[in-house]
Protein backbone atom coordinates (compact mmCIF):
# COMPACT_ATOMS: atom_id res chain seq x y z
CA UNK A 1 37.97 27.48 -77.18
CA UNK A 2 40.59 26.36 -74.64
CA UNK A 3 40.16 29.58 -72.65
CA UNK A 4 36.40 29.12 -72.71
CA UNK A 5 36.69 25.56 -71.41
CA UNK A 6 39.15 26.60 -68.69
CA UNK A 7 36.91 29.47 -67.68
CA UNK A 8 33.87 27.22 -67.52
CA UNK A 9 35.81 24.67 -65.45
CA UNK A 10 36.98 27.37 -63.04
CA UNK A 11 33.46 28.71 -62.66
CA UNK A 12 32.17 25.19 -62.06
CA UNK A 13 34.74 24.56 -59.34
CA UNK A 14 33.95 27.91 -57.75
CA UNK A 15 30.24 27.13 -57.82
CA UNK A 16 30.88 23.76 -56.14
CA UNK A 17 33.10 25.38 -53.51
CA UNK A 18 30.51 27.98 -52.48
CA UNK A 19 27.40 25.84 -52.89
CA UNK A 20 25.65 25.50 -49.56
CA UNK A 21 27.95 27.97 -47.78
CA UNK A 22 25.20 30.44 -46.71
CA UNK A 23 23.14 27.65 -45.14
CA UNK A 24 26.19 26.21 -43.38
CA UNK A 25 26.87 29.56 -41.75
CA UNK A 26 23.63 29.21 -39.83
CA UNK A 27 21.53 32.08 -38.49
CA UNK A 28 21.49 34.72 -35.78
CA UNK A 29 19.12 34.28 -32.82
CA UNK A 30 15.76 36.00 -33.19
CA UNK A 31 12.59 36.35 -31.16
CA UNK A 32 12.50 34.35 -27.94
CA UNK A 33 15.98 32.93 -28.61
CA UNK A 34 17.39 36.44 -28.86
CA UNK A 35 15.54 37.41 -25.68
CA UNK A 36 17.22 34.57 -23.78
CA UNK A 37 20.61 35.58 -25.19
CA UNK A 38 20.13 39.17 -24.07
CA UNK A 39 19.20 38.07 -20.53
CA UNK A 40 22.30 35.93 -20.10
CA UNK A 41 24.87 37.15 -17.54
CA UNK A 42 27.50 36.08 -20.09
CA UNK A 43 26.11 38.45 -22.77
CA UNK A 44 27.32 42.05 -22.48
CA UNK A 45 27.59 44.90 -24.97
CA UNK A 46 26.23 42.82 -27.81
CA UNK A 47 28.48 39.76 -27.38
CA UNK A 48 29.04 36.75 -25.19
CA UNK A 49 32.10 37.23 -22.97
CA UNK A 50 34.50 35.01 -21.08
CA UNK A 51 34.79 35.30 -17.31
CA UNK A 52 38.25 36.80 -17.77
CA UNK A 53 39.51 39.12 -20.53
CA UNK A 54 40.86 36.96 -23.34
CA UNK A 55 42.23 37.41 -26.84
CA UNK A 56 40.44 35.25 -29.41
CA UNK A 57 42.22 36.55 -32.52
CA UNK A 58 45.85 35.49 -33.15
CA UNK A 59 48.24 38.05 -31.71
CA UNK A 60 51.85 38.29 -32.80
CA UNK A 61 53.89 37.96 -35.97
CA UNK A 62 51.59 36.57 -38.69
CA UNK A 63 54.56 36.14 -40.98
CA UNK A 64 56.20 33.87 -38.43
CA UNK A 65 52.97 31.87 -38.12
CA UNK A 66 52.79 31.36 -41.90
CA UNK A 67 56.46 30.40 -42.00
CA UNK A 68 55.93 27.76 -39.32
CA UNK A 69 52.95 26.38 -41.23
CA UNK A 70 55.08 26.04 -44.38
CA UNK A 71 58.23 24.67 -42.75
CA UNK A 72 56.52 22.10 -40.53
CA UNK A 73 54.07 20.81 -43.15
CA UNK A 74 55.39 17.20 -43.34
CA UNK A 75 55.17 16.86 -39.54
CA UNK A 76 51.51 17.85 -39.45
CA UNK A 77 50.36 14.60 -41.07
CA UNK A 78 50.98 10.97 -40.06
CA UNK A 79 53.35 8.98 -42.26
CA UNK A 80 50.88 6.10 -42.55
CA UNK A 81 47.20 5.29 -41.92
CA UNK A 82 45.93 6.06 -38.43
CA UNK A 83 44.60 2.76 -37.02
CA UNK A 84 40.85 2.58 -36.56
CA UNK A 85 38.67 0.36 -34.40
CA UNK A 86 35.15 -0.64 -35.41
CA UNK A 87 33.13 -0.32 -32.20
CA UNK A 88 30.53 -2.87 -31.21
CA UNK A 89 26.94 -1.68 -31.47
CA UNK A 90 25.99 -3.51 -28.28
CA UNK A 91 25.60 -1.11 -25.37
CA UNK A 92 26.79 -2.17 -21.93
CA UNK A 93 23.86 -2.30 -19.53
CA UNK A 94 25.96 -0.87 -16.73
CA UNK A 95 29.28 0.82 -16.06
CA UNK A 96 30.85 3.74 -17.91
CA UNK A 97 32.29 3.50 -21.43
CA UNK A 98 33.66 6.21 -23.70
CA UNK A 99 34.27 5.93 -27.45
CA UNK A 100 36.36 8.55 -29.23
CA UNK A 101 35.57 8.85 -32.95
CA UNK A 102 38.30 11.39 -33.70
CA UNK A 103 38.86 15.12 -33.04
CA UNK A 104 36.20 16.22 -30.52
CA UNK A 105 33.52 13.64 -31.40
CA UNK A 106 32.89 11.17 -28.59
CA UNK A 107 30.17 8.87 -27.27
CA UNK A 108 29.62 8.59 -23.52
CA UNK A 109 27.68 5.55 -22.30
CA UNK A 110 26.61 5.69 -18.65
CA UNK A 111 24.64 2.74 -17.31
CA UNK A 112 22.93 2.19 -20.67
CA UNK A 113 22.27 5.87 -21.51
CA UNK A 114 24.17 7.48 -24.39
CA UNK A 115 25.30 11.04 -25.15
CA UNK A 116 27.12 12.00 -28.35
CA UNK A 117 29.39 15.06 -28.17
CA UNK A 118 30.36 17.39 -31.02
CA UNK A 119 29.68 14.96 -33.88
CA UNK A 120 31.50 15.80 -37.12
CA UNK A 121 31.32 13.15 -39.85
CA UNK A 122 32.25 15.41 -42.81
CA UNK A 123 35.56 15.18 -44.66
CA UNK A 124 36.29 18.88 -44.11
CA UNK A 125 35.60 21.32 -41.27
CA UNK A 126 34.47 24.27 -43.34
CA UNK A 127 31.28 25.81 -44.74
CA UNK A 128 32.45 24.38 -48.10
CA UNK A 129 32.85 20.71 -48.99
CA UNK A 130 35.83 21.51 -51.23
CA UNK A 131 38.07 23.77 -49.13
CA UNK A 132 39.20 23.82 -45.52
CA UNK A 133 41.02 21.38 -43.20
CA UNK A 134 40.58 17.79 -44.37
CA UNK A 135 40.45 14.60 -42.33
CA UNK A 136 43.65 12.73 -41.52
CA UNK A 137 41.67 9.50 -41.02
CA UNK A 138 38.22 8.19 -41.96
CA UNK A 139 35.38 8.17 -39.46
CA UNK A 140 35.55 4.74 -37.77
CA UNK A 141 31.80 4.05 -37.97
CA UNK A 142 29.10 5.19 -40.45
CA UNK A 143 26.73 7.66 -38.86
CA UNK A 144 23.71 5.46 -39.53
CA UNK A 145 25.32 2.68 -37.49
CA UNK A 146 25.47 4.71 -34.29
CA UNK A 147 23.38 3.24 -31.46
CA UNK A 148 20.21 5.04 -30.31
CA UNK A 149 21.16 8.23 -28.48
CA UNK A 150 19.59 10.00 -25.51
CA UNK A 151 21.14 13.37 -26.39
CA UNK A 152 23.40 15.06 -28.96
CA UNK A 153 25.45 17.75 -27.22
CA UNK A 154 27.33 20.61 -28.91
CA UNK A 155 30.03 22.61 -27.11
CA UNK A 156 30.07 25.62 -29.50
CA UNK A 157 29.36 26.55 -33.09
CA UNK A 158 32.77 26.35 -34.80
CA UNK A 159 32.82 24.15 -37.90
CA UNK A 160 34.95 21.44 -36.31
CA UNK A 161 32.29 20.97 -33.61
CA UNK A 162 28.98 21.81 -35.30
CA UNK A 163 28.64 20.34 -38.80
CA UNK A 164 25.59 20.88 -41.00
CA UNK A 165 25.71 17.57 -42.96
CA UNK A 166 26.18 15.63 -39.72
CA UNK A 167 23.25 17.42 -38.07
CA UNK A 168 21.04 16.60 -41.05
CA UNK A 169 22.11 12.95 -40.93
CA UNK A 170 21.42 12.72 -37.20
CA UNK A 171 18.08 14.40 -37.71
CA UNK A 172 17.19 11.56 -40.08
CA UNK A 173 18.71 8.64 -38.14
CA UNK A 174 18.18 9.60 -34.48
CA UNK A 175 15.32 10.90 -32.33
CA UNK A 176 17.45 12.45 -29.56
CA UNK A 177 17.34 16.17 -28.74
CA UNK A 178 20.20 18.53 -29.57
CA UNK A 179 21.42 20.10 -26.31
CA UNK A 180 23.38 23.27 -27.08
CA UNK A 181 24.62 26.53 -25.53
CA UNK A 182 22.51 29.67 -25.91
CA UNK A 183 22.06 30.98 -29.44
CA UNK A 184 23.00 27.80 -31.31
CA UNK A 185 19.33 26.89 -31.59
CA UNK A 186 19.08 29.52 -34.34
CA UNK A 187 21.55 27.57 -36.49
CA UNK A 188 19.60 24.36 -35.90
CA UNK A 189 16.28 26.03 -36.68
CA UNK A 190 17.65 27.20 -40.03
CA UNK A 191 18.69 23.61 -40.70
CA UNK A 192 15.09 22.47 -40.02
CA UNK A 193 15.66 20.81 -36.70
CA UNK A 194 12.22 20.79 -34.99
CA UNK A 195 11.90 23.13 -32.02
CA UNK A 196 10.99 20.22 -29.73
CA UNK A 197 14.41 18.68 -30.44
CA UNK A 198 16.38 21.80 -29.46
CA UNK A 199 17.38 22.51 -25.85
CA UNK A 200 19.43 25.68 -25.26
CA UNK A 201 21.26 26.20 -21.97
CA UNK A 202 23.24 28.95 -20.30
CA UNK A 203 26.14 28.16 -18.00
CA UNK A 204 25.00 26.27 -14.89
CA UNK A 205 21.63 25.37 -16.45
CA UNK A 206 20.67 21.71 -16.72
CA UNK A 207 18.34 19.40 -18.61
CA UNK A 208 17.40 15.75 -18.34
CA UNK A 209 18.21 13.19 -21.03
CA UNK A 210 16.80 9.83 -20.04
CA UNK A 211 18.47 8.88 -16.76
CA UNK A 212 21.16 11.54 -17.19
CA UNK A 213 21.47 15.19 -16.20
CA UNK A 214 23.37 17.43 -18.63
CA UNK A 215 24.75 20.71 -17.29
CA UNK A 216 26.40 23.46 -19.34
CA UNK A 217 29.44 24.81 -17.49
CA UNK A 218 31.93 27.58 -18.12
CA UNK A 219 34.68 27.53 -20.74
CA UNK A 220 37.06 30.16 -22.10
CA UNK A 221 36.69 30.34 -25.86
CA UNK A 222 34.76 32.23 -28.57
CA UNK A 223 32.19 31.50 -31.29
CA UNK A 224 31.15 32.38 -34.82
CA UNK A 225 30.57 30.77 -38.22
CA UNK A 226 30.79 33.87 -40.42
CA UNK A 227 32.00 37.44 -40.11
CA UNK A 228 30.15 38.06 -36.84
CA UNK A 229 31.67 36.66 -33.66
CA UNK A 230 30.52 35.70 -30.18
CA UNK A 231 26.80 35.83 -30.90
CA UNK A 232 26.38 32.31 -29.50
CA UNK A 233 27.67 30.86 -26.25
CA UNK A 234 30.38 28.21 -25.77
CA UNK A 235 30.47 25.70 -22.91
CA UNK A 236 32.08 22.77 -21.21
CA UNK A 237 29.70 20.04 -20.04
CA UNK A 238 28.92 17.81 -17.08
CA UNK A 239 27.19 14.47 -17.70
CA UNK A 240 25.80 13.00 -14.49
CA UNK A 241 24.15 9.60 -14.14
CA UNK A 242 22.73 8.02 -11.00
CA UNK A 243 26.23 7.03 -9.84
CA UNK A 244 28.76 8.12 -12.52
CA UNK A 245 29.98 11.50 -13.81
CA UNK A 246 31.94 12.69 -16.85
CA UNK A 247 33.40 16.10 -17.68
CA UNK A 248 33.79 17.30 -21.29
CA UNK A 249 35.95 20.39 -21.72
CA UNK A 250 34.94 21.51 -25.20
CA UNK A 251 37.38 24.03 -26.68
CA UNK A 252 38.85 26.29 -24.04
CA UNK A 253 41.82 28.06 -22.66
CA UNK A 254 43.01 27.18 -19.18
CA UNK A 255 41.42 29.26 -16.41
CA UNK A 256 40.43 29.08 -12.77
CA UNK A 257 36.85 28.17 -13.64
CA UNK A 258 37.82 24.51 -13.84
CA UNK A 259 38.60 24.40 -10.12
CA UNK A 260 35.14 25.86 -9.49
CA UNK A 261 33.56 23.21 -11.70
CA UNK A 262 35.45 20.51 -9.82
CA UNK A 263 34.26 21.78 -6.46
CA UNK A 264 30.65 22.20 -7.58
CA UNK A 265 30.13 19.22 -9.88
CA UNK A 266 32.99 16.79 -9.23
CA UNK A 267 34.54 14.42 -8.65
CA UNK A 268 34.37 12.80 -12.08
CA UNK A 269 35.03 9.26 -13.18
CA UNK A 270 36.50 10.58 -16.44
CA UNK A 271 37.34 13.82 -18.20
CA UNK A 272 37.54 14.34 -21.96
CA UNK A 273 39.94 17.25 -22.38
CA UNK A 274 41.01 19.30 -25.40
CA UNK A 275 44.77 19.01 -25.99
CA UNK A 276 45.39 20.03 -29.62
CA UNK A 277 45.42 23.07 -31.93
CA UNK A 278 47.36 25.26 -29.49
CA UNK A 279 49.90 27.94 -30.33
CA UNK A 280 51.61 30.85 -28.51
CA UNK A 281 49.63 33.21 -30.76
CA UNK A 282 46.29 32.17 -29.21
CA UNK A 283 47.08 31.11 -25.62
CA UNK A 284 43.75 32.24 -24.14
CA UNK A 285 41.38 30.02 -26.13
CA UNK A 286 43.06 26.60 -26.53
CA UNK A 287 44.96 24.66 -23.90
CA UNK A 288 48.39 23.14 -24.18
CA UNK A 289 48.63 19.44 -23.24
CA UNK A 290 50.18 20.37 -19.90
CA UNK A 291 47.25 22.68 -19.18
CA UNK A 292 44.94 19.82 -20.14
CA UNK A 293 46.45 17.72 -17.36
CA UNK A 294 45.97 20.65 -14.96
CA UNK A 295 42.33 20.91 -16.02
CA UNK A 296 41.83 17.20 -15.39
CA UNK A 297 43.27 17.59 -11.90
CA UNK A 298 41.27 20.77 -11.21
CA UNK A 299 37.95 19.08 -11.91
CA UNK A 300 38.93 16.05 -9.76
CA UNK A 301 38.66 13.40 -12.47
CA UNK A 302 40.02 9.86 -12.44
CA UNK A 303 40.70 8.84 -16.08
CA UNK A 304 41.85 11.42 -18.64
CA UNK A 305 40.93 10.89 -22.31
CA UNK A 306 42.40 13.43 -24.75
CA UNK A 307 40.29 14.90 -27.55
CA UNK A 308 40.73 17.55 -30.23
CA UNK A 309 43.80 16.01 -31.83
CA UNK A 310 44.81 13.58 -34.64
CA UNK A 311 41.93 14.28 -37.05
CA UNK A 312 42.23 17.82 -38.49
CA UNK A 313 45.29 20.04 -38.87
CA UNK A 314 44.35 23.32 -37.16
CA UNK A 315 47.72 24.59 -35.83
CA UNK A 316 51.40 24.50 -36.84
CA UNK A 317 52.48 21.86 -34.33
CA UNK A 318 53.19 18.28 -35.37
CA UNK A 319 50.10 16.09 -35.57
CA UNK A 320 51.12 13.80 -32.67
CA UNK A 321 52.93 16.37 -30.54
CA UNK A 322 49.89 17.01 -28.30
CA UNK A 323 49.59 13.42 -27.12
CA UNK A 324 53.36 12.98 -26.67
CA UNK A 325 53.42 16.02 -24.39
CA UNK A 326 50.26 14.88 -22.63
CA UNK A 327 51.66 11.41 -21.91
CA UNK A 328 54.86 12.89 -20.48
CA UNK A 329 52.96 15.31 -18.23
CA UNK A 330 50.41 12.70 -17.12
CA UNK A 331 53.24 10.41 -15.99
CA UNK A 332 54.91 13.28 -14.16
CA UNK A 333 51.68 14.13 -12.32
CA UNK A 334 50.56 10.55 -11.66
CA UNK A 335 47.41 10.95 -13.77
CA UNK A 336 45.61 7.88 -15.16
CA UNK A 337 45.59 8.32 -18.95
CA UNK A 338 43.80 6.42 -21.71
CA UNK A 339 44.62 7.17 -25.37
CA UNK A 340 42.18 5.20 -27.53
CA UNK A 341 42.45 4.76 -31.27
CA UNK A 342 39.57 6.33 -33.20
CA UNK A 343 36.56 4.10 -32.66
CA UNK A 344 37.96 2.31 -29.61
CA UNK A 345 35.58 1.97 -26.65
CA UNK A 346 37.25 2.54 -23.28
CA UNK A 347 35.91 0.85 -20.14
CA UNK A 348 36.58 3.54 -17.54
CA UNK A 349 36.64 0.94 -14.76
CA UNK A 350 39.37 -0.96 -16.61
CA UNK A 351 41.17 1.52 -18.90
CA UNK A 352 43.80 0.11 -21.27
CA UNK A 353 47.44 0.93 -20.68
CA UNK A 354 48.85 3.61 -22.98
CA UNK A 355 50.74 1.83 -25.77
CA UNK A 356 52.02 4.76 -27.86
CA UNK A 357 50.23 3.54 -31.02
CA UNK A 358 50.71 6.91 -32.73
CA UNK A 359 54.50 6.90 -32.39
CA UNK A 360 55.04 4.62 -35.41
CA UNK A 361 53.27 7.14 -37.65
């Protein structure tokens, strides 16, 4: 009897862990979406490619990587609750404001228009609700309390940037289009996002969202939600209003394409730059904090706001190491830095001084 109960419990847990996984993995582009993929200059020999040869799989001693994960485990979580800020729902009628919700999720408000980047409201970044990296802090605002959006922009299709439950919630609570790199529309179609709410772009293609122009720009990364890889494109993004501009790096390694973006689309009032989840075993696809500062300078931005840290443990480094290194490098290079708490709205014309709030945790 005991064995039967244990077996039934194990099967129940397994069923819960895999429930919904096939849907979360999305779908491959077909029909006209596949035709656009095949015509892209970035798509060669059956896959999307970076501008420069890059290694997307970890290279090196896997045993050493696992050892570092085990030995550094206590340092990869804060010792106390990460402080949250409940943002005001009132939108400024002018100016430029940026709210970071944690990890790569951020709201950009330009002169009353709003763009939400890489929204992930789930507890785990995984196709399963029971396994995978879990949040280090709650989301600072319920998804149904977000203000009306003009666009929802996705940088690439990894689970920590494109989240099925969040997409479904936004489909119910918002009317904005999903603006995504080539191929990701197939995932959204499978999740029943209407075709008229999906805009797919290749690098250097643009679309309008209210008073804003959104342009997909180059990045150095990879894609994939299942066993197949690089069937959808990844991108950084330019958000341009009538008088203000913001750069969003997405996930990327450091490369000379940022200088090109700066020359073509800059200068920028602010840059949101990935600084976390780096490791010597994957140097081509995620930046170190020092490279994040270089990216900020390459694109000719004024205020640097770090993203892709503090929310999910995705690399062996300590949870706050990225921002400590970033702060040190920003001071050395004379870069204006703002490090908001999750949920804190930053006025780019009057950014708060860095106070080291994470250092007590």
